[in-house]
Amino acid sequence: MKTLIEIHALQNFAPSNLNRDDTGAPKDALFGGTRRARVSSQCLKKAIRGHFAIKRDAGFFGMDELAFRTKRVQEALTKALVEKKRRESEAAEKSRLALAAIELPVKEDGKSQYLMFLGQREINGLADIIDAKWDSLVEPEVGEEGAKKVAKSKKQNAQGADPELRKALEKVLDGGKAVDVALFGRMLADMPEKNQEAACQVAHAISTHSVEREFDFYTAVDDLKPEDTAGADMMGTIEFNSACFYRYAVVHWEKLVANLQTDGELAAKGLRAFLEGFVVAEPTGKQNSFAAHNPPEFVAISVRKDTAPRSLANAFETAIAVKKSESLTTMSAEALVKKAKVLQGAYGGEGRTFVLDLAGTQSDGFGERAQSLQELLDKALSAIRA
C-alpha cells in the first residue's frame, strides 16, 4: 500500500521580496514561455522548520522529536557530557575523538567540515556512549618499528579507533526519530549508509501569472545632521514583485512512518505540523520592509492510494491573465480545479480531497469543503487513518 498526501495552495502576496538571488533580486524562473516569480523549495522548507520550532516551544513537540542542522556537533556533545558531570575540556576532547572515529572529524575551530542534520536523540545517544566508553577514546596512533605518529586522514583516525566503539557510535545515527529529518531527509557525505531518504518533496513555488520586477528607490536622512544641510545621507533601490503563487508538496505516508521507526502516532503528529506549517509559515525575506503577510486563500489536501504524485503546476502553463474586475486568486483556483479534474479523468486513482476555499471558487463539487484550517487538517488525518 502506498499512501500519498498532497497539498496544493494558492497564496497571493502583496509587494514583497520573499526569497532573493545572489544579486538581491526576487528569485524567478521561466515557465510556460513567460517569466514567473519563484520561491525556492529550500526557502519554504526552512520556514516550515521554523514553524516546527514554534510548535516545540508551545509543547506540541518534545525537545527530542526535532533535529538541528549545524557544524557545531562537538559543542553539542560537549554540553551533553558536561551535564553528565564530565570536565568541559576533557569532554570536548573525547567528543572530538568520537566524531573522528566515525569519520566525522572537526577542524581546529571545533566545527565539522559540513553542516550535519542530527536529531537530539542522536546527540544524546552519542553522549551516552562517549560517557560509557570514556577510557576507550584515545588518540589513534600509527607507526613503524615502535615509532609513533598521529594519524592525519579521516580513514586513519577511524581505522585506529576501537572497532566495538565505532560500531556502537554508528548504530546511534539512525535518524533519532526526528520529525524534520524523517520528512526532509539528510545526507552524510562520509557515512552514506546513514543517509535518510526524505518522506516528502516540496516544489518551488511559482506565480500563476507573468511578472515583471519593480524597483523601490529609497533615501534616508541623518537625524542629527545640521538643519542647513540638504540632501539624503543614504540612498538605494530594492527590487520586488507581487505574485499569486502556486505551491505544492507531497508526503509518502508509509515512508514517513518507516523513517520514524514505525511510530505511527509521531508520524501523524509530524504530518499535521507539516501541513499546518506549509499553509501558515511564510518566508522572512525583506518582511520588515514589505510586511507581506498574506495567508493562502485556496488550499486543497488530497489523500490518494497506490498512485503517482500529481502536481497541478501545468494548470498555469498558460499564464493567468485577469481583467481589472477579476480576482487573480479566484481565476487561478478555477484553473487548478479544472486541471485536477482533467488529470483525474485521465489517470484515475482512489482518493479523497479536502478544500479550504476563501476565494469563492466555482469548483463544481471539487473536494469536500472545510470551514477552517483545523477542520481541513482533521479531515485529512482522518482519511489517512481510515
Protein backbone atom coordinates (compact mmCIF):
# COMPACT_ATOMS: atom_id res chain seq x y z
CA MET A 1 0.00 0.00 0.00
CA LYS A 2 1.28 3.46 -0.94
CA THR A 3 -0.46 6.48 0.53
CA LEU A 4 0.33 9.97 -0.74
CA ILE A 5 -0.75 13.17 0.95
CA GLU A 6 -0.59 16.07 -1.50
CA ILE A 7 -1.16 19.71 -0.61
CA HIS A 8 -1.86 22.47 -3.12
CA ALA A 9 -2.05 26.12 -2.10
CA LEU A 10 -2.64 29.44 -3.83
CA GLN A 11 -1.14 32.39 -1.99
CA ASN A 12 -1.33 35.93 -3.31
CA PHE A 13 1.43 38.05 -1.77
CA ALA A 14 1.38 41.83 -1.73
CA PRO A 15 4.54 43.61 -2.99
CA SER A 16 7.48 41.75 -1.45
CA ASN A 17 10.92 40.23 -1.90
CA LEU A 18 10.47 36.93 -0.06
CA ASN A 19 13.39 34.96 -1.49
CA ARG A 20 16.38 36.71 -3.04
CA ASP A 21 19.02 35.59 -5.52
CA ASP A 22 22.71 36.47 -5.30
CA THR A 23 22.05 39.99 -6.63
CA GLY A 24 19.30 40.73 -4.09
CA ALA A 25 16.52 40.45 -6.66
CA PRO A 26 13.43 38.27 -6.11
CA LYS A 27 14.02 34.77 -7.48
CA ASP A 28 12.21 33.96 -10.71
CA ALA A 29 12.05 31.33 -13.46
CA LEU A 30 10.80 30.81 -16.99
CA PHE A 31 7.69 28.63 -17.11
CA GLY A 32 5.28 28.20 -19.99
CA GLY A 33 7.34 30.67 -22.02
CA THR A 34 6.95 33.60 -19.61
CA ARG A 35 8.81 34.97 -16.61
CA ARG A 36 7.35 33.85 -13.26
CA ALA A 37 8.05 34.83 -9.68
CA ARG A 38 9.58 31.97 -7.68
CA VAL A 39 10.24 30.98 -4.07
CA SER A 40 12.68 28.10 -3.71
CA SER A 41 11.76 24.84 -2.02
CA GLN A 42 14.70 25.31 0.36
CA CYS A 43 13.24 28.63 1.49
CA LEU A 44 9.81 27.08 2.03
CA LYS A 45 11.22 24.14 3.98
CA LYS A 46 13.24 26.49 6.18
CA ALA A 47 10.03 28.37 7.01
CA ILE A 48 8.29 25.09 7.88
CA ARG A 49 11.16 24.06 10.15
CA GLY A 50 10.79 27.43 11.85
CA HIS A 51 7.12 26.57 12.41
CA PHE A 52 8.21 23.25 13.95
CA ALA A 53 10.37 25.16 16.44
CA ILE A 54 7.38 27.30 17.41
CA LYS A 55 5.31 24.13 17.91
CA ARG A 56 8.10 22.66 20.08
CA ASP A 57 8.23 25.78 22.23
CA ALA A 58 4.45 25.53 22.64
CA GLY A 59 4.78 21.93 23.84
CA PHE A 60 3.38 20.23 20.73
CA PHE A 61 6.73 18.52 20.05
CA GLY A 62 9.08 17.15 22.67
CA MET A 63 12.61 18.55 22.76
CA ASP A 64 13.94 15.28 21.35
CA GLU A 65 11.44 14.98 18.49
CA LEU A 66 13.18 17.52 16.25
CA ALA A 67 16.67 17.91 14.80
CA PHE A 68 19.07 20.75 14.15
CA ARG A 69 21.41 21.49 11.26
CA THR A 70 24.84 22.51 12.50
CA LYS A 71 28.61 22.35 12.17
CA ARG A 72 28.88 22.54 15.96
CA VAL A 73 28.22 18.89 16.81
CA GLN A 74 31.30 18.74 19.05
CA GLU A 75 29.93 21.66 21.05
CA ALA A 76 26.55 19.94 21.43
CA LEU A 77 28.21 16.72 22.59
CA THR A 78 30.45 18.60 25.00
CA LYS A 79 27.43 20.29 26.55
CA ALA A 80 25.65 16.94 26.95
CA LEU A 81 28.75 15.43 28.62
CA VAL A 82 29.17 18.39 30.98
CA GLU A 83 25.61 17.70 32.10
CA LYS A 84 26.87 14.20 32.96
CA LYS A 85 29.44 15.81 35.30
CA ARG A 86 32.41 15.50 32.94
CA ARG A 87 35.00 18.29 32.82
CA GLU A 88 34.44 20.56 29.85
CA SER A 89 37.98 20.39 28.42
CA GLU A 90 38.03 16.58 28.63
CA ALA A 91 34.51 16.34 27.25
CA ALA A 92 35.49 18.43 24.23
CA GLU A 93 38.50 16.20 23.54
CA LYS A 94 36.55 12.95 23.93
CA SER A 95 33.82 14.32 21.65
CA ARG A 96 36.43 15.16 19.02
CA LEU A 97 37.86 11.66 19.18
CA ALA A 98 34.41 10.05 18.99
CA LEU A 99 33.49 12.03 15.90
CA ALA A 100 36.84 11.23 14.29
CA ALA A 101 36.19 7.53 14.98
CA ILE A 102 33.15 7.62 12.69
CA GLU A 103 34.87 9.74 10.01
CA LEU A 104 33.22 13.00 11.08
CA PRO A 105 36.28 14.97 12.20
CA VAL A 106 36.15 18.56 13.39
CA LYS A 107 38.54 21.33 12.40
CA GLU A 108 40.71 23.37 14.75
CA ASP A 109 37.84 25.82 15.29
CA GLY A 110 35.68 22.97 16.62
CA LYS A 111 33.37 22.89 13.58
CA SER A 112 32.73 19.98 11.26
CA GLN A 113 33.58 20.13 7.57
CA TYR A 114 29.92 20.50 6.57
CA LEU A 115 26.52 21.02 8.13
CA MET A 116 25.04 17.91 9.72
CA PHE A 117 21.35 17.30 10.32
CA LEU A 118 21.07 15.37 13.58
CA GLY A 119 18.21 14.63 15.94
CA GLN A 120 18.51 15.43 19.64
CA ARG A 121 18.10 11.72 20.43
CA GLU A 122 21.18 11.02 18.29
CA ILE A 123 23.22 13.63 20.17
CA ASN A 124 22.08 12.20 23.50
CA GLY A 125 22.85 8.66 22.33
CA LEU A 126 26.36 9.60 21.20
CA ALA A 127 26.98 11.35 24.53
CA ASP A 128 25.81 8.26 26.44
CA ILE A 129 28.28 6.04 24.56
CA ILE A 130 31.17 8.50 24.99
CA ASP A 131 30.43 8.63 28.71
CA ALA A 132 30.24 4.83 28.98
CA LYS A 133 33.36 4.21 26.84
CA TRP A 134 35.34 7.13 28.20
CA ASP A 135 38.63 5.27 28.61
CA SER A 136 38.38 3.67 25.16
CA LEU A 137 38.55 7.05 23.45
CA VAL A 138 42.24 7.71 22.90
CA GLU A 139 44.20 9.41 20.17
CA PRO A 140 44.86 6.81 17.43
CA GLU A 141 48.49 6.35 16.57
CA VAL A 142 50.26 4.59 13.73
CA GLY A 143 53.93 3.85 13.47
CA GLU A 144 56.66 1.61 12.20
CA GLU A 145 59.15 -0.26 14.40
CA GLY A 146 57.78 1.32 17.55
CA ALA A 147 57.81 4.90 16.27
CA LYS A 148 54.50 6.58 16.91
CA LYS A 149 52.82 9.05 14.61
CA VAL A 150 49.43 10.68 14.99
CA ALA A 151 47.07 9.69 12.17
CA LYS A 152 46.04 12.53 9.85
CA SER A 153 43.36 11.28 7.47
CA LYS A 154 39.73 10.60 8.33
CA LYS A 155 40.12 6.94 7.41
CA GLN A 156 43.25 6.55 9.51
CA ASN A 157 41.51 8.05 12.52
CA ALA A 158 38.52 5.78 12.06
CA GLN A 159 40.62 2.66 11.48
CA GLY A 160 42.64 3.39 14.59
CA ALA A 161 39.58 3.55 16.82
CA ASP A 162 38.21 0.67 18.90
CA PRO A 163 36.02 -1.30 16.41
CA GLU A 164 33.37 -2.01 19.03
CA LEU A 165 33.26 1.65 20.00
CA ARG A 166 32.94 2.74 16.39
CA LYS A 167 30.16 0.22 15.80
CA ALA A 168 28.26 1.48 18.85
CA LEU A 169 28.61 5.12 17.78
CA GLU A 170 27.46 4.41 14.22
CA LYS A 171 24.44 2.46 15.44
CA VAL A 172 23.12 5.56 17.20
CA LEU A 173 22.94 7.52 13.91
CA ASP A 174 19.52 6.20 12.89
CA GLY A 175 17.65 9.49 12.42
CA GLY A 176 16.78 9.72 16.09
CA LYS A 177 13.04 9.70 15.39
CA ALA A 178 13.37 13.38 14.50
CA VAL A 179 10.30 14.52 12.57
CA ASP A 180 12.15 17.02 10.37
CA VAL A 181 14.87 14.51 9.43
CA ALA A 182 12.17 11.95 8.60
CA LEU A 183 10.32 14.45 6.40
CA PHE A 184 13.17 16.27 4.68
CA GLY A 185 15.86 13.59 4.72
CA ARG A 186 19.59 14.09 5.14
CA MET A 187 22.94 13.28 3.57
CA LEU A 188 26.12 12.49 5.47
CA ALA A 189 28.83 12.52 2.81
CA ASP A 190 31.28 10.42 4.84
CA MET A 191 28.64 7.94 6.02
CA PRO A 192 26.31 7.32 3.07
CA GLU A 193 24.80 4.31 4.81
CA LYS A 194 23.40 6.75 7.40
CA ASN A 195 21.68 8.95 4.82
CA GLN A 196 17.92 9.17 5.18
CA GLU A 197 15.63 9.40 2.17
CA ALA A 198 13.08 12.18 2.56
CA ALA A 199 9.44 11.23 3.06
CA CYS A 200 8.28 14.48 1.50
CA GLN A 201 9.00 16.51 -1.61
CA VAL A 202 8.43 20.27 -1.81
CA ALA A 203 8.17 22.10 -5.12
CA HIS A 204 9.46 25.57 -5.87
CA ALA A 205 6.54 27.97 -5.65
CA ILE A 206 5.84 29.74 -8.95
CA SER A 207 3.48 32.54 -9.84
CA THR A 208 0.36 31.57 -11.75
CA HIS A 209 0.87 34.61 -13.99
CA SER A 210 3.68 36.52 -15.66
CA VAL A 211 5.60 39.02 -13.53
CA GLU A 212 7.95 41.92 -14.02
CA ARG A 213 10.40 43.19 -11.46
CA GLU A 214 9.79 46.58 -9.91
CA PHE A 215 12.17 48.88 -8.08
CA ASP A 216 11.71 50.82 -4.86
CA PHE A 217 14.03 53.83 -4.66
CA TYR A 218 14.64 54.84 -1.06
CA THR A 219 16.53 57.54 0.80
CA ALA A 220 17.47 58.02 4.44
CA VAL A 221 18.43 61.18 6.28
CA ASP A 222 20.78 61.58 9.23
CA ASP A 223 18.57 62.67 12.15
CA LEU A 224 21.46 64.57 13.78
CA LYS A 225 22.53 66.42 10.65
CA PRO A 226 22.54 70.24 10.89
CA GLU A 227 19.34 71.84 9.59
CA ASP A 228 21.15 73.91 6.96
CA THR A 229 22.46 70.81 5.17
CA ALA A 230 20.24 69.45 2.41
CA GLY A 231 20.19 66.06 0.71
CA ALA A 232 19.97 62.41 1.64
CA ASP A 233 22.66 60.59 3.58
CA MET A 234 21.86 57.17 2.14
CA MET A 235 20.03 56.00 -0.96
CA GLY A 236 19.50 52.83 -2.93
CA THR A 237 16.97 50.54 -4.58
CA ILE A 238 15.19 47.34 -3.55
CA GLU A 239 13.73 45.04 -6.18
CA PHE A 240 10.33 43.49 -5.53
CA ASN A 241 7.28 41.96 -7.15
CA SER A 242 3.75 40.91 -6.29
CA ALA A 243 2.56 37.44 -7.20
CA CYS A 244 -0.07 34.76 -6.66
CA PHE A 245 1.99 31.64 -6.03
CA TYR A 246 1.03 28.03 -6.70
CA ARG A 247 2.63 25.86 -4.01
CA TYR A 248 2.78 22.07 -3.92
CA ALA A 249 4.20 19.33 -1.70
CA VAL A 250 3.69 15.59 -1.37
CA VAL A 251 4.31 13.25 1.59
CA HIS A 252 4.74 9.47 1.32
CA TRP A 253 2.95 8.29 4.46
CA GLU A 254 4.46 4.80 4.74
CA LYS A 255 7.97 6.21 4.21
CA LEU A 256 7.37 8.77 6.95
CA VAL A 257 6.29 6.05 9.37
CA ALA A 258 9.31 3.92 8.44
CA ASN A 259 11.70 6.87 8.90
CA LEU A 260 10.23 7.37 12.38
CA GLN A 261 10.92 3.73 13.25
CA THR A 262 7.25 2.67 12.85
CA ASP A 263 5.98 5.25 15.34
CA GLY A 264 2.61 5.97 13.70
CA GLU A 265 1.50 8.39 16.40
CA LEU A 266 4.59 10.56 15.97
CA ALA A 267 4.22 10.35 12.19
CA ALA A 268 0.64 11.65 12.40
CA LYS A 269 1.75 14.46 14.71
CA GLY A 270 4.60 15.36 12.37
CA LEU A 271 2.38 15.26 9.29
CA ARG A 272 -0.18 17.54 10.88
CA ALA A 273 2.52 20.04 11.84
CA PHE A 274 3.98 19.85 8.32
CA LEU A 275 0.63 20.50 6.61
CA GLU A 276 -0.16 23.32 9.02
CA GLY A 277 3.29 24.83 8.57
CA PHE A 278 3.01 24.58 4.79
CA VAL A 279 -0.08 26.79 5.00
CA VAL A 280 0.83 29.31 7.70
CA ALA A 281 4.64 29.58 7.64
CA GLU A 282 5.99 32.39 5.47
CA PRO A 283 9.45 33.18 4.10
CA THR A 284 11.02 36.03 6.07
CA GLY A 285 12.92 37.79 3.28
CA LYS A 286 12.58 41.59 3.45
CA GLN A 287 9.43 41.31 5.55
CA ASN A 288 10.49 44.26 7.71
CA SER A 289 10.37 46.35 4.54
CA PHE A 290 7.20 44.91 2.99
CA ALA A 291 5.13 43.12 5.70
CA ALA A 292 3.57 40.85 3.07
CA HIS A 293 1.68 38.63 5.49
CA ASN A 294 -0.97 37.16 3.20
CA PRO A 295 -2.21 33.65 4.07
CA PRO A 296 -3.32 31.27 1.29
CA GLU A 297 -6.91 31.69 0.16
CA PHE A 298 -7.23 28.30 -1.52
CA VAL A 299 -5.83 25.09 -0.04
CA ALA A 300 -6.56 21.54 -1.20
CA ILE A 301 -5.25 18.40 0.50
CA SER A 302 -5.60 15.08 -1.31
CA VAL A 303 -5.10 11.66 0.28
CA ARG A 304 -4.56 9.15 -2.52
CA LYS A 305 -3.76 5.42 -2.58
CA ASP A 306 -1.43 3.44 -4.85
CA THR A 307 -0.89 6.16 -7.41
CA ALA A 308 1.79 8.57 -8.61
CA PRO A 309 2.26 12.12 -7.31
CA ARG A 310 0.34 14.71 -9.32
CA SER A 311 1.46 18.33 -9.30
CA LEU A 312 -1.05 20.78 -10.79
CA ALA A 313 1.56 23.32 -11.90
CA ASN A 314 0.61 22.81 -15.54
CA ALA A 315 -2.73 24.44 -14.77
CA PHE A 316 -0.67 27.60 -15.14
CA GLU A 317 1.45 26.68 -18.16
CA THR A 318 -0.54 29.38 -19.92
CA ALA A 319 -0.11 32.35 -17.62
CA ILE A 320 -3.31 33.51 -15.95
CA ALA A 321 -4.43 36.93 -17.19
CA VAL A 322 -7.22 38.83 -15.48
CA LYS A 323 -9.28 41.90 -16.14
CA LYS A 324 -9.46 44.74 -13.64
CA SER A 325 -12.67 43.43 -12.10
CA GLU A 326 -11.46 39.82 -11.75
CA SER A 327 -9.65 38.14 -8.85
CA LEU A 328 -6.29 36.64 -9.71
CA THR A 329 -6.58 34.13 -6.86
CA THR A 330 -10.09 33.03 -7.90
CA MET A 331 -9.13 32.66 -11.58
CA SER A 332 -6.05 30.67 -10.55
CA ALA A 333 -8.13 28.42 -8.28
CA GLU A 334 -10.62 27.69 -11.05
CA ALA A 335 -7.76 26.80 -13.42
CA LEU A 336 -6.31 24.49 -10.75
CA VAL A 337 -9.66 22.73 -10.22
CA LYS A 338 -10.12 22.29 -13.95
CA LYS A 339 -6.67 20.73 -14.35
CA ALA A 340 -7.23 18.43 -11.34
CA LYS A 341 -10.44 17.10 -12.88
CA VAL A 342 -8.80 16.53 -16.27
CA LEU A 343 -5.94 14.57 -14.71
CA GLN A 344 -8.28 12.58 -12.50
CA GLY A 345 -10.42 11.68 -15.50
CA ALA A 346 -7.38 10.53 -17.49
CA TYR A 347 -5.41 8.72 -14.78
CA GLY A 348 -8.00 7.88 -12.14
CA GLY A 349 -6.91 6.62 -8.74
CA GLU A 350 -8.57 6.16 -5.38
CA GLY A 351 -8.57 9.10 -3.03
CA ARG A 352 -10.31 11.95 -1.25
CA THR A 353 -9.72 15.69 -1.48
CA PHE A 354 -10.48 18.32 1.14
CA VAL A 355 -10.68 22.02 0.33
CA LEU A 356 -10.43 25.29 2.25
CA ASP A 357 -11.68 27.94 -0.17
CA LEU A 358 -11.72 31.62 0.77
CA ALA A 359 -11.66 32.78 -2.84
CA GLY A 360 -15.24 31.93 -3.82
CA THR A 361 -14.13 29.44 -6.46
CA GLN A 362 -16.61 27.91 -8.91
CA SER A 363 -15.35 24.42 -8.13
CA ASP A 364 -18.31 22.28 -9.28
CA GLY A 365 -18.13 19.87 -6.36
CA PHE A 366 -14.36 19.56 -6.30
CA GLY A 367 -13.41 18.05 -2.94
CA GLU A 368 -15.08 18.08 0.46
CA ARG A 369 -15.35 21.54 2.00
CA ALA A 370 -13.80 22.63 5.30
CA GLN A 371 -14.63 25.86 7.06
CA SER A 372 -11.27 26.30 8.83
CA LEU A 373 -7.68 25.17 8.62
CA GLN A 374 -8.04 22.95 11.69
CA GLU A 375 -11.10 21.25 10.19
CA LEU A 376 -9.17 20.74 6.95
CA LEU A 377 -6.32 19.07 8.85
CA ASP A 378 -8.74 16.94 10.89
CA LYS A 379 -10.39 15.64 7.72
CA ALA A 380 -7.07 14.83 6.05
CA LEU A 381 -5.68 12.99 9.06
CA SER A 382 -8.93 11.03 9.46
CA ALA A 383 -8.74 9.93 5.83
CA ILE A 384 -5.22 8.61 6.38
CA ARG A 385 -6.25 6.62 9.45
CA ALA A 386 -9.20 5.19 7.54
